[in-house]
Amino acid sequence: VQLQASGGGSVEVGGSLRLSCAPSGSVFPLNVMAWYRQAPGKQRELVATITRAAITTYADSVKGRFTISRDNAKDRVYLQMNSLKPEDTAVYYCNANTYPPRDMTYWGKGTQVTVSS
């Protein structure tokens, strides 16, 4: 089972995009879900996380601009990205983890986000 991310694209500075992520099949109950991103030549970085109870965390670079949300019934996670900047250009990956002691991690293939000035 993989996570399938969608919603990426090319936008101008200040624009918005909404990323979605859903599993390709049945998954075990999901605990924390997250979005990561990787820009060319850089390491993958954590963008935002959300627990099943909707407690969220954000990287400082996206606070106030990005919003993570999830639909527990559909095992989906979303990332609303507003006020996009060129430095937000990256491949965005979704991630989900199961509860202990199973401790499985699911990853998606990523979706490209390009912000042009």
Protein backbone atom coordinates (compact mmCIF):
# COMPACT_ATOMS: atom_id res chain seq x y z
CA VAL A 1 0.00 0.00 0.00
CA GLN A 2 1.27 3.44 -0.91
CA LEU A 3 0.02 6.93 -0.27
CA GLN A 4 -0.92 8.85 -3.40
CA ALA A 5 -0.34 12.59 -3.31
CA SER A 6 -1.99 14.95 -5.75
CA GLY A 7 -2.70 18.62 -6.26
CA GLY A 8 0.76 19.89 -7.08
CA GLY A 9 1.45 22.24 -9.95
CA SER A 10 2.99 25.53 -10.99
CA VAL A 11 1.84 28.81 -9.47
CA GLU A 12 3.08 32.34 -9.22
CA VAL A 13 4.35 33.94 -6.04
CA GLY A 14 1.47 34.58 -3.67
CA GLY A 15 -0.67 31.86 -5.16
CA SER A 16 -2.29 28.89 -3.46
CA LEU A 17 -2.43 25.14 -3.89
CA ARG A 18 -4.17 22.36 -1.99
CA LEU A 19 -2.44 19.00 -1.79
CA SER A 20 -4.32 15.81 -1.08
CA CYS A 21 -3.09 12.38 -0.08
CA ALA A 22 -4.93 9.09 0.12
CA PRO A 23 -3.86 5.46 0.48
CA SER A 24 -4.01 3.18 -2.53
CA GLY A 25 -5.62 0.43 -0.43
CA SER A 26 -6.57 -0.57 3.07
CA VAL A 27 -4.25 0.60 5.80
CA PHE A 28 -3.90 -0.08 9.50
CA PRO A 29 -5.30 2.63 11.80
CA LEU A 30 -3.28 5.78 11.26
CA ASN A 31 -1.79 7.82 14.06
CA VAL A 32 0.29 10.81 12.96
CA MET A 33 0.09 11.96 9.34
CA ALA A 34 2.51 14.44 7.86
CA TRP A 35 3.78 16.30 4.85
CA TYR A 36 7.46 16.51 3.94
CA ARG A 37 9.18 18.28 1.08
CA GLN A 38 12.48 18.01 -0.72
CA ALA A 39 13.94 20.77 -2.84
CA PRO A 40 16.65 20.06 -5.44
CA GLY A 41 20.00 19.51 -3.77
CA LYS A 42 18.52 19.65 -0.28
CA GLN A 43 17.53 17.13 2.35
CA ARG A 44 13.93 16.16 2.87
CA GLU A 45 12.35 18.36 5.53
CA LEU A 46 9.27 18.05 7.68
CA VAL A 47 6.59 20.60 6.78
CA ALA A 48 3.63 19.77 9.02
CA THR A 49 2.15 17.01 11.14
CA ILE A 50 -1.31 16.21 12.43
CA THR A 51 -2.48 13.64 14.97
CA ARG A 52 -5.73 11.76 14.81
CA ALA A 53 -7.09 14.27 17.33
CA ALA A 54 -6.14 17.10 14.93
CA ILE A 55 -3.22 18.44 16.94
CA THR A 56 -0.90 20.10 14.45
CA THR A 57 2.70 21.25 14.20
CA TYR A 58 4.40 23.29 11.48
CA ALA A 59 7.87 24.14 10.33
CA ASP A 60 8.67 27.76 11.13
CA SER A 61 9.05 28.50 7.43
CA VAL A 62 5.40 27.71 6.70
CA LYS A 63 3.61 28.84 9.87
CA GLY A 64 0.72 31.14 9.11
CA ARG A 65 0.70 30.16 5.42
CA PHE A 66 0.10 26.40 5.34
CA THR A 67 -2.68 24.43 7.01
CA ILE A 68 -2.69 20.67 7.45
CA SER A 69 -5.93 18.78 7.93
CA ARG A 70 -7.19 15.21 7.70
CA ASP A 71 -10.27 13.11 7.17
CA ASN A 72 -10.03 10.17 9.54
CA ALA A 73 -12.93 8.31 7.95
CA LYS A 74 -11.15 8.32 4.57
CA ASP A 75 -7.55 8.12 5.85
CA ARG A 76 -6.76 11.27 3.90
CA VAL A 77 -4.51 14.19 4.70
CA TYR A 78 -4.48 17.61 3.08
CA LEU A 79 -2.15 20.59 2.91
CA GLN A 80 -3.57 23.99 2.07
CA MET A 81 -0.73 26.23 0.95
CA ASN A 82 -1.29 29.97 0.69
CA SER A 83 1.01 32.91 0.01
CA LEU A 84 3.43 30.62 -1.76
CA LYS A 85 7.04 31.67 -2.16
CA PRO A 86 9.77 30.51 -4.58
CA GLU A 87 11.48 28.75 -1.66
CA ASP A 88 8.41 26.53 -1.31
CA THR A 89 9.34 24.90 -4.62
CA ALA A 90 9.92 21.21 -3.92
CA VAL A 91 8.52 17.73 -4.27
CA TYR A 92 5.98 17.25 -1.49
CA TYR A 93 5.52 13.84 0.10
CA CYS A 94 2.81 12.61 2.43
CA ASN A 95 3.56 10.24 5.26
CA ALA A 96 1.50 8.30 7.76
CA ASN A 97 2.37 6.20 10.76
CA THR A 98 0.45 3.51 12.56
CA TYR A 99 0.13 3.13 16.31
CA PRO A 100 2.61 1.23 18.43
CA PRO A 101 3.55 -1.55 18.63
CA ARG A 102 2.95 -2.11 14.89
CA ASP A 103 4.88 1.11 14.04
CA MET A 104 4.49 0.99 10.27
CA THR A 105 5.22 3.97 8.04
CA TYR A 106 3.53 4.67 4.72
CA TRP A 107 4.97 7.03 2.10
CA GLY A 108 3.66 8.56 -1.09
CA LYS A 109 5.53 9.13 -4.35
CA GLY A 110 5.35 12.89 -4.10
CA THR A 111 3.87 15.73 -6.06
CA GLN A 112 5.83 18.62 -7.57
CA VAL A 113 5.12 22.18 -6.46
CA THR A 114 6.79 24.97 -8.41
CA VAL A 115 6.45 28.61 -7.43
CA SER A 116 7.70 31.16 -9.92
CA SER A 117 8.39 34.84 -9.40
